[in-house]
């Protein structure tokens, strides 16, 4: 993290303290962060922290602290949010504030395996040690393709472009080009993982890791619980629509096989499975 005064964290969970061991994966939306982080965590028996699953908790913390941009965002209609000027879009995304909240969340994690932390707000100003971080940066061609594939509204497209430019500027300012994995259209997820593992070889070797099937299943259940909470917190907002019992949600298989990459779509109301069993692909 940059030197100097520590950034204010809306609704801080607790006082600053030493963080558990972690590796950090940043990059703009659509760069492949979640795919990479999930592969590292599942294959190696690591704890996974996905910032997207904390989006609404972070917004609630900012609201409770009276953060002006968070308050404004909640008060606007979706159409008005995405038609805001670029500077307002970036401010209302809470990009900088969420980076500090992510670092705060990681410090608050209890003992456990090495944590893989991923998210767009993971910037050079977020991570305690850049030597434990990588940033996935899509090539211009890939960025254009992925934004087009998503069919995003103009305002969302604008925000994503701003986030990419902001991250690129921060990486350059900190002199961290050597911590970047450039993702090209012909790169496979395995290619990206190999490049990231090379940059993170030291921290990944340190561990600790989950070693038994039960420990791995516990990690996957925690990962899925975070996803379920993300959806439930979102659907509780007064301006959202959707039935929290029937909305389809994608979860990770909890079979504990390190090579399993299965993602299972289930109605939110069916998670956790009845009887406390694991969510399995077979």
C-alpha atoms as a PDB file:
ATOM      1  CA  UNK A   1       0.000   0.000   0.000  1.00  0.00           C
ATOM      2  CA  UNK A   2       1.235   3.494  -0.704  1.00  0.00           C
ATOM      3  CA  UNK A   3       3.070   5.271   2.087  1.00  0.00           C
ATOM      4  CA  UNK A   4       1.492   8.052   4.087  1.00  0.00           C
ATOM      5  CA  UNK A   5      -1.877   8.447   5.715  1.00  0.00           C
ATOM      6  CA  UNK A   6      -4.010   5.337   5.543  1.00  0.00           C
ATOM      7  CA  UNK A   7      -7.151   5.877   3.411  1.00  0.00           C
ATOM      8  CA  UNK A   8     -10.412   6.177   5.293  1.00  0.00           C
ATOM      9  CA  UNK A   9     -12.485   3.010   5.149  1.00  0.00           C
ATOM     10  CA  UNK A  10     -16.250   3.593   5.428  1.00  0.00           C
ATOM     11  CA  UNK A  11     -17.578   1.509   8.276  1.00  0.00           C
ATOM     12  CA  UNK A  12     -14.241  -0.129   9.097  1.00  0.00           C
ATOM     13  CA  UNK A  13     -14.738  -3.597  10.570  1.00  0.00           C
ATOM     14  CA  UNK A  14     -12.014  -3.166  13.140  1.00  0.00           C
ATOM     15  CA  UNK A  15      -8.641  -1.549  13.818  1.00  0.00           C
ATOM     16  CA  UNK A  16      -5.801  -2.116  11.344  1.00  0.00           C
ATOM     17  CA  UNK A  17      -3.848  -5.269  11.945  1.00  0.00           C
ATOM     18  CA  UNK A  18      -1.577  -7.769  10.226  1.00  0.00           C
ATOM     19  CA  UNK A  19      -3.220  -9.527   7.302  1.00  0.00           C
ATOM     20  CA  UNK A  20      -3.218 -13.277   6.758  1.00  0.00           C
ATOM     21  CA  UNK A  21      -0.979 -14.451   3.947  1.00  0.00           C
ATOM     22  CA  UNK A  22      -2.516 -13.610   0.597  1.00  0.00           C
ATOM     23  CA  UNK A  23      -1.887 -13.239  -3.100  1.00  0.00           C
ATOM     24  CA  UNK A  24      -3.700 -10.510  -4.988  1.00  0.00           C
ATOM     25  CA  UNK A  25      -5.191 -10.489  -8.498  1.00  0.00           C
ATOM     26  CA  UNK A  26      -6.398  -7.257 -10.055  1.00  0.00           C
ATOM     27  CA  UNK A  27      -7.540  -6.156 -13.463  1.00  0.00           C
ATOM     28  CA  UNK A  28     -10.445  -4.446 -15.199  1.00  0.00           C
ATOM     29  CA  UNK A  29     -13.847  -6.117 -15.602  1.00  0.00           C
ATOM     30  CA  UNK A  30     -13.743  -9.013 -18.039  1.00  0.00           C
ATOM     31  CA  UNK A  31     -10.001  -9.638 -17.763  1.00  0.00           C
ATOM     32  CA  UNK A  32     -10.407 -13.165 -16.366  1.00  0.00           C
ATOM     33  CA  UNK A  33      -9.650 -12.467 -12.699  1.00  0.00           C
ATOM     34  CA  UNK A  34     -12.345 -14.722 -11.269  1.00  0.00           C
ATOM     35  CA  UNK A  35     -11.460 -17.606 -13.582  1.00  0.00           C
ATOM     36  CA  UNK A  36      -7.803 -17.346 -12.581  1.00  0.00           C
ATOM     37  CA  UNK A  37      -8.469 -16.897  -8.865  1.00  0.00           C
ATOM     38  CA  UNK A  38     -10.899 -19.805  -8.749  1.00  0.00           C
ATOM     39  CA  UNK A  39      -8.447 -22.074 -10.579  1.00  0.00           C
ATOM     40  CA  UNK A  40      -5.612 -21.214  -8.196  1.00  0.00           C
ATOM     41  CA  UNK A  41      -7.791 -21.641  -5.119  1.00  0.00           C
ATOM     42  CA  UNK A  42      -9.409 -24.903  -6.169  1.00  0.00           C
ATOM     43  CA  UNK A  43      -6.287 -26.574  -7.538  1.00  0.00           C
ATOM     44  CA  UNK A  44      -4.078 -25.596  -4.612  1.00  0.00           C
ATOM     45  CA  UNK A  45      -6.485 -25.732  -1.668  1.00  0.00           C
ATOM     46  CA  UNK A  46      -6.508 -21.989  -0.992  1.00  0.00           C
ATOM     47  CA  UNK A  47      -9.104 -19.640   0.443  1.00  0.00           C
ATOM     48  CA  UNK A  48     -10.858 -17.459  -2.139  1.00  0.00           C
ATOM     49  CA  UNK A  49     -11.915 -13.849  -1.603  1.00  0.00           C
ATOM     50  CA  UNK A  50     -13.919 -12.448  -4.523  1.00  0.00           C
ATOM     51  CA  UNK A  51     -14.567  -8.742  -4.189  1.00  0.00           C
ATOM     52  CA  UNK A  52     -17.751  -8.954  -6.282  1.00  0.00           C
ATOM     53  CA  UNK A  53     -19.399 -10.989  -3.540  1.00  0.00           C
ATOM     54  CA  UNK A  54     -18.841  -8.075  -1.128  1.00  0.00           C
ATOM     55  CA  UNK A  55     -20.127  -5.337  -3.455  1.00  0.00           C
ATOM     56  CA  UNK A  56     -23.367  -4.756  -1.604  1.00  0.00           C
ATOM     57  CA  UNK A  57     -21.882  -5.143   1.860  1.00  0.00           C
ATOM     58  CA  UNK A  58     -19.301  -2.532   0.918  1.00  0.00           C
ATOM     59  CA  UNK A  59     -22.012  -0.218  -0.358  1.00  0.00           C
ATOM     60  CA  UNK A  60     -23.961  -0.693   2.865  1.00  0.00           C
ATOM     61  CA  UNK A  61     -20.851   0.157   4.878  1.00  0.00           C
ATOM     62  CA  UNK A  62     -20.356   3.294   2.805  1.00  0.00           C
ATOM     63  CA  UNK A  63     -24.017   4.262   3.238  1.00  0.00           C
ATOM     64  CA  UNK A  64     -23.824   3.743   6.996  1.00  0.00           C
ATOM     65  CA  UNK A  65     -20.801   6.044   7.055  1.00  0.00           C
ATOM     66  CA  UNK A  66     -22.714   8.716   5.113  1.00  0.00           C
ATOM     67  CA  UNK A  67     -20.494   8.505   2.038  1.00  0.00           C
ATOM     68  CA  UNK A  68     -21.915  11.098  -0.429  1.00  0.00           C
ATOM     69  CA  UNK A  69     -21.270   9.159  -3.648  1.00  0.00           C
ATOM     70  CA  UNK A  70     -22.781   5.973  -2.216  1.00  0.00           C
ATOM     71  CA  UNK A  71     -25.828   7.891  -1.012  1.00  0.00           C
ATOM     72  CA  UNK A  72     -26.287   9.555  -4.384  1.00  0.00           C
ATOM     73  CA  UNK A  73     -25.994   6.253  -6.268  1.00  0.00           C
ATOM     74  CA  UNK A  74     -28.710   4.589  -4.183  1.00  0.00           C
ATOM     75  CA  UNK A  75     -31.038   7.567  -4.644  1.00  0.00           C
ATOM     76  CA  UNK A  76     -30.799   7.583  -8.447  1.00  0.00           C
ATOM     77  CA  UNK A  77     -32.768   5.396 -10.809  1.00  0.00           C
ATOM     78  CA  UNK A  78     -30.684   2.883 -12.801  1.00  0.00           C
ATOM     79  CA  UNK A  79     -31.121   5.007 -15.926  1.00  0.00           C
ATOM     80  CA  UNK A  80     -29.931   8.146 -14.144  1.00  0.00           C
ATOM     81  CA  UNK A  81     -26.955   6.353 -12.617  1.00  0.00           C
ATOM     82  CA  UNK A  82     -25.594   5.238 -15.962  1.00  0.00           C
ATOM     83  CA  UNK A  83     -26.198   8.571 -17.667  1.00  0.00           C
ATOM     84  CA  UNK A  84     -24.048  10.433 -15.137  1.00  0.00           C
ATOM     85  CA  UNK A  85     -20.856  12.175 -16.313  1.00  0.00           C
ATOM     86  CA  UNK A  86     -17.696  10.025 -16.327  1.00  0.00           C
ATOM     87  CA  UNK A  87     -16.234  11.588 -13.175  1.00  0.00           C
ATOM     88  CA  UNK A  88     -19.476  10.955 -11.295  1.00  0.00           C
ATOM     89  CA  UNK A  89     -19.648   7.380 -12.597  1.00  0.00           C
ATOM     90  CA  UNK A  90     -16.176   6.663 -11.262  1.00  0.00           C
ATOM     91  CA  UNK A  91     -16.930   8.296  -7.912  1.00  0.00           C
ATOM     92  CA  UNK A  92     -20.216   6.421  -7.474  1.00  0.00           C
ATOM     93  CA  UNK A  93     -18.503   3.113  -8.271  1.00  0.00           C
ATOM     94  CA  UNK A  94     -16.618   3.547  -4.958  1.00  0.00           C
ATOM     95  CA  UNK A  95     -13.582   2.156  -6.747  1.00  0.00           C
ATOM     96  CA  UNK A  96     -10.944   3.720  -4.489  1.00  0.00           C
ATOM     97  CA  UNK A  97     -12.981   3.269  -1.322  1.00  0.00           C
ATOM     98  CA  UNK A  98     -13.655  -0.382  -2.060  1.00  0.00           C
ATOM     99  CA  UNK A  99      -9.956  -1.040  -2.535  1.00  0.00           C
ATOM    100  CA  UNK A 100      -9.384   0.099   1.037  1.00  0.00           C
ATOM    101  CA  UNK A 101     -12.360  -1.938   2.251  1.00  0.00           C
ATOM    102  CA  UNK A 102     -10.996  -5.057   0.544  1.00  0.00           C
ATOM    103  CA  UNK A 103      -7.671  -4.621   2.315  1.00  0.00           C
ATOM    104  CA  UNK A 104      -9.623  -4.160   5.541  1.00  0.00           C
ATOM    105  CA  UNK A 105     -11.654  -7.322   4.899  1.00  0.00           C
ATOM    106  CA  UNK A 106      -8.521  -9.363   4.296  1.00  0.00           C
ATOM    107  CA  UNK A 107      -6.956  -8.104   7.520  1.00  0.00           C
ATOM    108  CA  UNK A 108     -10.107  -9.241   9.326  1.00  0.00           C
ATOM    109  CA  UNK A 109      -9.982 -12.814   8.007  1.00  0.00           C
ATOM    110  CA  UNK A 110      -9.239 -15.422  10.611  1.00  0.00           C
ATOM    111  CA  UNK A 111      -6.529 -18.066  10.419  1.00  0.00           C
ATOM    112  CA  UNK A 112      -6.688 -20.297   7.388  1.00  0.00           C
ATOM    113  CA  UNK A 113      -5.021 -21.207   4.137  1.00  0.00           C
ATOM    114  CA  UNK A 114      -3.315 -18.697   1.893  1.00  0.00           C
ATOM    115  CA  UNK A 115      -5.999 -16.372   0.521  1.00  0.00           C
ATOM    116  CA  UNK A 116      -6.438 -15.540  -3.164  1.00  0.00           C
ATOM    117  CA  UNK A 117      -7.871 -12.017  -3.286  1.00  0.00           C
ATOM    118  CA  UNK A 118      -9.321 -10.869  -6.590  1.00  0.00           C
ATOM    119  CA  UNK A 119     -11.232  -7.876  -7.827  1.00  0.00           C
ATOM    120  CA  UNK A 120     -11.211  -4.787  -9.994  1.00  0.00           C
ATOM    121  CA  UNK A 121     -10.586  -2.536  -6.951  1.00  0.00           C
ATOM    122  CA  UNK A 122      -7.340  -4.437  -6.264  1.00  0.00           C
ATOM    123  CA  UNK A 123      -4.865  -1.784  -7.398  1.00  0.00           C
ATOM    124  CA  UNK A 124      -1.235  -1.018  -6.525  1.00  0.00           C
ATOM    125  CA  UNK A 125      -2.622   1.249  -3.802  1.00  0.00           C
ATOM    126  CA  UNK A 126      -4.551  -1.654  -2.249  1.00  0.00           C
ATOM    127  CA  UNK A 127      -1.975  -4.401  -1.896  1.00  0.00           C
ATOM    128  CA  UNK A 128       0.487  -4.431   1.018  1.00  0.00           C
ATOM    129  CA  UNK A 129       3.242  -5.997  -1.108  1.00  0.00           C
ATOM    130  CA  UNK A 130       3.185  -5.738  -4.928  1.00  0.00           C
ATOM    131  CA  UNK A 131       5.483  -8.764  -5.066  1.00  0.00           C
ATOM    132  CA  UNK A 132       2.467 -10.822  -4.026  1.00  0.00           C
ATOM    133  CA  UNK A 133       0.200  -9.396  -6.732  1.00  0.00           C
ATOM    134  CA  UNK A 134      -0.480  -9.687 -10.439  1.00  0.00           C
ATOM    135  CA  UNK A 135      -2.687  -7.614 -12.677  1.00  0.00           C
ATOM    136  CA  UNK A 136      -4.446  -9.071 -15.705  1.00  0.00           C
ATOM    137  CA  UNK A 137      -4.592  -6.473 -18.444  1.00  0.00           C
ATOM    138  CA  UNK A 138      -6.494  -7.321 -21.631  1.00  0.00           C
ATOM    139  CA  UNK A 139      -5.021  -6.261 -24.924  1.00  0.00           C
ATOM    140  CA  UNK A 140      -6.975  -3.443 -26.619  1.00  0.00           C
ATOM    141  CA  UNK A 141      -8.442  -5.930 -29.101  1.00  0.00           C
ATOM    142  CA  UNK A 142      -9.606  -8.283 -26.356  1.00  0.00           C
ATOM    143  CA  UNK A 143     -11.043  -5.427 -24.302  1.00  0.00           C
ATOM    144  CA  UNK A 144     -13.094  -4.226 -27.272  1.00  0.00           C
ATOM    145  CA  UNK A 145     -14.294  -7.754 -28.003  1.00  0.00           C
ATOM    146  CA  UNK A 146     -15.335  -8.566 -24.451  1.00  0.00           C
ATOM    147  CA  UNK A 147     -17.147  -5.286 -23.922  1.00  0.00           C
ATOM    148  CA  UNK A 148     -19.003  -5.814 -27.202  1.00  0.00           C
ATOM    149  CA  UNK A 149     -19.904  -9.405 -26.253  1.00  0.00           C
ATOM    150  CA  UNK A 150     -21.469  -8.246 -23.009  1.00  0.00           C
ATOM    151  CA  UNK A 151     -23.811  -5.839 -24.775  1.00  0.00           C
ATOM    152  CA  UNK A 152     -23.342  -3.297 -22.018  1.00  0.00           C
ATOM    153  CA  UNK A 153     -25.315  -0.064 -21.719  1.00  0.00           C
ATOM    154  CA  UNK A 154     -23.273   2.958 -22.705  1.00  0.00           C
ATOM    155  CA  UNK A 155     -22.803   4.103 -19.115  1.00  0.00           C
ATOM    156  CA  UNK A 156     -21.477   0.719 -17.988  1.00  0.00           C
ATOM    157  CA  UNK A 157     -19.171   0.614 -21.004  1.00  0.00           C
ATOM    158  CA  UNK A 158     -17.905   4.072 -20.049  1.00  0.00           C
ATOM    159  CA  UNK A 159     -17.254   3.030 -16.453  1.00  0.00           C
ATOM    160  CA  UNK A 160     -15.380  -0.117 -17.475  1.00  0.00           C
ATOM    161  CA  UNK A 161     -13.212   1.917 -19.833  1.00  0.00           C
ATOM    162  CA  UNK A 162     -12.487   4.386 -17.030  1.00  0.00           C
ATOM    163  CA  UNK A 163     -11.534   1.580 -14.652  1.00  0.00           C
ATOM    164  CA  UNK A 164      -9.095   0.142 -17.183  1.00  0.00           C
ATOM    165  CA  UNK A 165      -7.474   3.539 -17.745  1.00  0.00           C
ATOM    166  CA  UNK A 166      -7.303   4.217 -14.001  1.00  0.00           C
ATOM    167  CA  UNK A 167      -5.599   0.899 -13.297  1.00  0.00           C
ATOM    168  CA  UNK A 168      -3.131   1.318 -16.160  1.00  0.00           C
ATOM    169  CA  UNK A 169      -2.153   4.742 -14.808  1.00  0.00           C
ATOM    170  CA  UNK A 170      -1.660   3.385 -11.283  1.00  0.00           C
ATOM    171  CA  UNK A 171       0.476   0.491 -12.513  1.00  0.00           C
ATOM    172  CA  UNK A 172       2.651   2.896 -14.491  1.00  0.00           C
ATOM    173  CA  UNK A 173       2.932   5.332 -11.584  1.00  0.00           C
ATOM    174  CA  UNK A 174       4.109   2.553  -9.260  1.00  0.00           C
ATOM    175  CA  UNK A 175       6.509   1.093 -11.828  1.00  0.00           C
ATOM    176  CA  UNK A 176       4.820  -2.313 -11.757  1.00  0.00           C
ATOM    177  CA  UNK A 177       4.731  -3.254 -15.432  1.00  0.00           C
ATOM    178  CA  UNK A 178       6.629  -6.410 -14.493  1.00  0.00           C
ATOM    179  CA  UNK A 179       3.653  -7.600 -12.434  1.00  0.00           C
ATOM    180  CA  UNK A 180       1.278  -7.482 -15.412  1.00  0.00           C
ATOM    181  CA  UNK A 181      -0.014 -10.475 -17.349  1.00  0.00           C
ATOM    182  CA  UNK A 182      -1.264  -9.273 -20.723  1.00  0.00           C
ATOM    183  CA  UNK A 183      -4.303 -11.270 -21.816  1.00  0.00           C
ATOM    184  CA  UNK A 184      -4.646 -11.562 -25.582  1.00  0.00           C
ATOM    185  CA  UNK A 185      -7.531 -12.973 -27.654  1.00  0.00           C
ATOM    186  CA  UNK A 186      -5.679 -16.239 -28.270  1.00  0.00           C
ATOM    187  CA  UNK A 187      -4.625 -16.769 -24.637  1.00  0.00           C
ATOM    188  CA  UNK A 188      -6.349 -19.680 -22.896  1.00  0.00           C
ATOM    189  CA  UNK A 189      -7.197 -19.669 -19.175  1.00  0.00           C
ATOM    190  CA  UNK A 190      -4.374 -22.183 -18.730  1.00  0.00           C
ATOM    191  CA  UNK A 191      -1.957 -19.773 -20.432  1.00  0.00           C
ATOM    192  CA  UNK A 192      -3.010 -16.985 -18.091  1.00  0.00           C
ATOM    193  CA  UNK A 193      -2.723 -19.248 -15.056  1.00  0.00           C
ATOM    194  CA  UNK A 194       0.777 -20.372 -16.033  1.00  0.00           C
ATOM    195  CA  UNK A 195       1.959 -16.790 -16.441  1.00  0.00           C
ATOM    196  CA  UNK A 196       0.397 -15.715 -13.138  1.00  0.00           C
ATOM    197  CA  UNK A 197       1.796 -18.717 -11.278  1.00  0.00           C
ATOM    198  CA  UNK A 198       5.281 -17.828 -12.488  1.00  0.00           C
ATOM    199  CA  UNK A 199       4.963 -14.322 -11.038  1.00  0.00           C
ATOM    200  CA  UNK A 200       3.427 -15.611  -7.797  1.00  0.00           C
ATOM    201  CA  UNK A 201       5.638 -18.679  -7.403  1.00  0.00           C
ATOM    202  CA  UNK A 202       7.203 -17.601  -4.114  1.00  0.00           C
ATOM    203  CA  UNK A 203       4.023 -16.638  -2.240  1.00  0.00           C
ATOM    204  CA  UNK A 204       2.133 -19.651  -3.595  1.00  0.00           C
ATOM    205  CA  UNK A 205       4.858 -21.982  -2.347  1.00  0.00           C
ATOM    206  CA  UNK A 206       4.602 -20.531   1.160  1.00  0.00           C
ATOM    207  CA  UNK A 207       1.045 -21.739   1.734  1.00  0.00           C
ATOM    208  CA  UNK A 208      -0.531 -22.748   3.992  1.00  0.00           C
ATOM    209  CA  UNK A 209      -2.993 -24.893   2.048  1.00  0.00           C
ATOM    210  CA  UNK A 210      -5.980 -27.111   2.722  1.00  0.00           C
ATOM    211  CA  UNK A 211      -4.826 -30.700   2.467  1.00  0.00           C
ATOM    212  CA  UNK A 212      -7.819 -32.926   3.221  1.00  0.00           C
ATOM    213  CA  UNK A 213     -11.083 -33.302   1.274  1.00  0.00           C
ATOM    214  CA  UNK A 214     -13.043 -31.973   4.244  1.00  0.00           C
ATOM    215  CA  UNK A 215     -10.862 -28.863   4.399  1.00  0.00           C
ATOM    216  CA  UNK A 216     -11.324 -28.291   0.674  1.00  0.00           C
ATOM    217  CA  UNK A 217     -15.087 -28.734   0.926  1.00  0.00           C
ATOM    218  CA  UNK A 218     -15.183 -26.225   3.778  1.00  0.00           C
ATOM    219  CA  UNK A 219     -13.416 -23.658   1.598  1.00  0.00           C
ATOM    220  CA  UNK A 220     -15.764 -24.245  -1.326  1.00  0.00           C
ATOM    221  CA  UNK A 221     -18.801 -23.969   0.943  1.00  0.00           C
ATOM    222  CA  UNK A 222     -17.520 -20.629   2.264  1.00  0.00           C
ATOM    223  CA  UNK A 223     -17.027 -19.483  -1.335  1.00  0.00           C
ATOM    224  CA  UNK A 224     -20.600 -20.436  -2.225  1.00  0.00           C
ATOM    225  CA  UNK A 225     -22.021 -18.864   0.916  1.00  0.00           C
ATOM    226  CA  UNK A 226     -20.399 -15.581  -0.101  1.00  0.00           C
ATOM    227  CA  UNK A 227     -22.061 -15.803  -3.529  1.00  0.00           C
ATOM    228  CA  UNK A 228     -25.458 -16.521  -1.968  1.00  0.00           C
ATOM    229  CA  UNK A 229     -25.064 -13.578   0.403  1.00  0.00           C
ATOM    230  CA  UNK A 230     -24.139 -11.339  -2.531  1.00  0.00           C
ATOM    231  CA  UNK A 231     -27.414 -12.124  -4.292  1.00  0.00           C
ATOM    232  CA  UNK A 232     -29.557 -11.927  -1.168  1.00  0.00           C
ATOM    233  CA  UNK A 233     -28.087  -8.568  -0.192  1.00  0.00           C
ATOM    234  CA  UNK A 234     -28.690  -7.235  -3.685  1.00  0.00           C
ATOM    235  CA  UNK A 235     -32.259  -8.528  -3.876  1.00  0.00           C
ATOM    236  CA  UNK A 236     -33.070  -6.942  -0.510  1.00  0.00           C
ATOM    237  CA  UNK A 237     -32.629  -3.466  -1.989  1.00  0.00           C
ATOM    238  CA  UNK A 238     -35.915  -1.621  -2.575  1.00  0.00           C
ATOM    239  CA  UNK A 239     -35.242  -0.882  -6.233  1.00  0.00           C
ATOM    240  CA  UNK A 240     -34.438  -4.456  -7.295  1.00  0.00           C
ATOM    241  CA  UNK A 241     -36.745  -7.076  -8.732  1.00  0.00           C
ATOM    242  CA  UNK A 242     -36.498 -10.838  -8.596  1.00  0.00           C
ATOM    243  CA  UNK A 243     -37.579 -13.673  -6.356  1.00  0.00           C
ATOM    244  CA  UNK A 244     -34.814 -14.617  -3.897  1.00  0.00           C
ATOM    245  CA  UNK A 245     -36.123 -18.180  -3.867  1.00  0.00           C
ATOM    246  CA  UNK A 246     -36.091 -18.780  -7.615  1.00  0.00           C
ATOM    247  CA  UNK A 247     -33.393 -16.512  -9.061  1.00  0.00           C
ATOM    248  CA  UNK A 248     -30.723 -18.704 -10.719  1.00  0.00           C
ATOM    249  CA  UNK A 249     -27.271 -18.483  -9.160  1.00  0.00           C
ATOM    250  CA  UNK A 250     -24.036 -20.152 -10.238  1.00  0.00           C
ATOM    251  CA  UNK A 251     -22.110 -21.961  -7.504  1.00  0.00           C
ATOM    252  CA  UNK A 252     -18.852 -23.912  -7.436  1.00  0.00           C
ATOM    253  CA  UNK A 253     -18.973 -27.675  -7.089  1.00  0.00           C
ATOM    254  CA  UNK A 254     -18.098 -28.743  -3.554  1.00  0.00           C
ATOM    255  CA  UNK A 255     -16.804 -32.216  -4.468  1.00  0.00           C
ATOM    256  CA  UNK A 256     -13.278 -31.253  -3.284  1.00  0.00           C
ATOM    257  CA  UNK A 257     -11.573 -32.658  -6.391  1.00  0.00           C
ATOM    258  CA  UNK A 258      -8.682 -30.230  -7.083  1.00  0.00           C
ATOM    259  CA  UNK A 259      -9.178 -30.665 -10.831  1.00  0.00           C
ATOM    260  CA  UNK A 260     -12.940 -30.069 -10.776  1.00  0.00           C
ATOM    261  CA  UNK A 261     -13.947 -26.856 -12.539  1.00  0.00           C
ATOM    262  CA  UNK A 262     -17.707 -27.491 -12.540  1.00  0.00           C
ATOM    263  CA  UNK A 263     -20.018 -24.558 -11.979  1.00  0.00           C
ATOM    264  CA  UNK A 264     -23.570 -25.447 -10.990  1.00  0.00           C
ATOM    265  CA  UNK A 265     -26.575 -23.188 -11.543  1.00  0.00           C
ATOM    266  CA  UNK A 266     -29.282 -23.601  -8.918  1.00  0.00           C
ATOM    267  CA  UNK A 267     -32.227 -21.550  -7.603  1.00  0.00           C
ATOM    268  CA  UNK A 268     -30.969 -19.382  -4.768  1.00  0.00           C
ATOM    269  CA  UNK A 269     -33.627 -20.754  -2.442  1.00  0.00           C
ATOM    270  CA  UNK A 270     -32.151 -24.255  -2.692  1.00  0.00           C
ATOM    271  CA  UNK A 271     -28.827 -23.202  -1.191  1.00  0.00           C
ATOM    272  CA  UNK A 272     -27.538 -24.512   1.100  1.00  0.00           C
ATOM    273  CA  UNK A 273     -28.724 -28.005   0.136  1.00  0.00           C
ATOM    274  CA  UNK A 274     -31.253 -29.618   2.440  1.00  0.00           C
ATOM    275  CA  UNK A 275     -29.726 -31.852   5.065  1.00  0.00           C
ATOM    276  CA  UNK A 276     -26.398 -30.056   5.015  1.00  0.00           C
ATOM    277  CA  UNK A 277     -24.952 -32.065   2.139  1.00  0.00           C
ATOM    278  CA  UNK A 278     -22.346 -30.792  -0.289  1.00  0.00           C
ATOM    279  CA  UNK A 279     -23.288 -29.235  -3.620  1.00  0.00           C
ATOM    280  CA  UNK A 280     -21.816 -31.715  -6.090  1.00  0.00           C
ATOM    281  CA  UNK A 281     -21.497 -32.076  -9.831  1.00  0.00           C
ATOM    282  CA  UNK A 282     -21.902 -35.869  -9.621  1.00  0.00           C
END
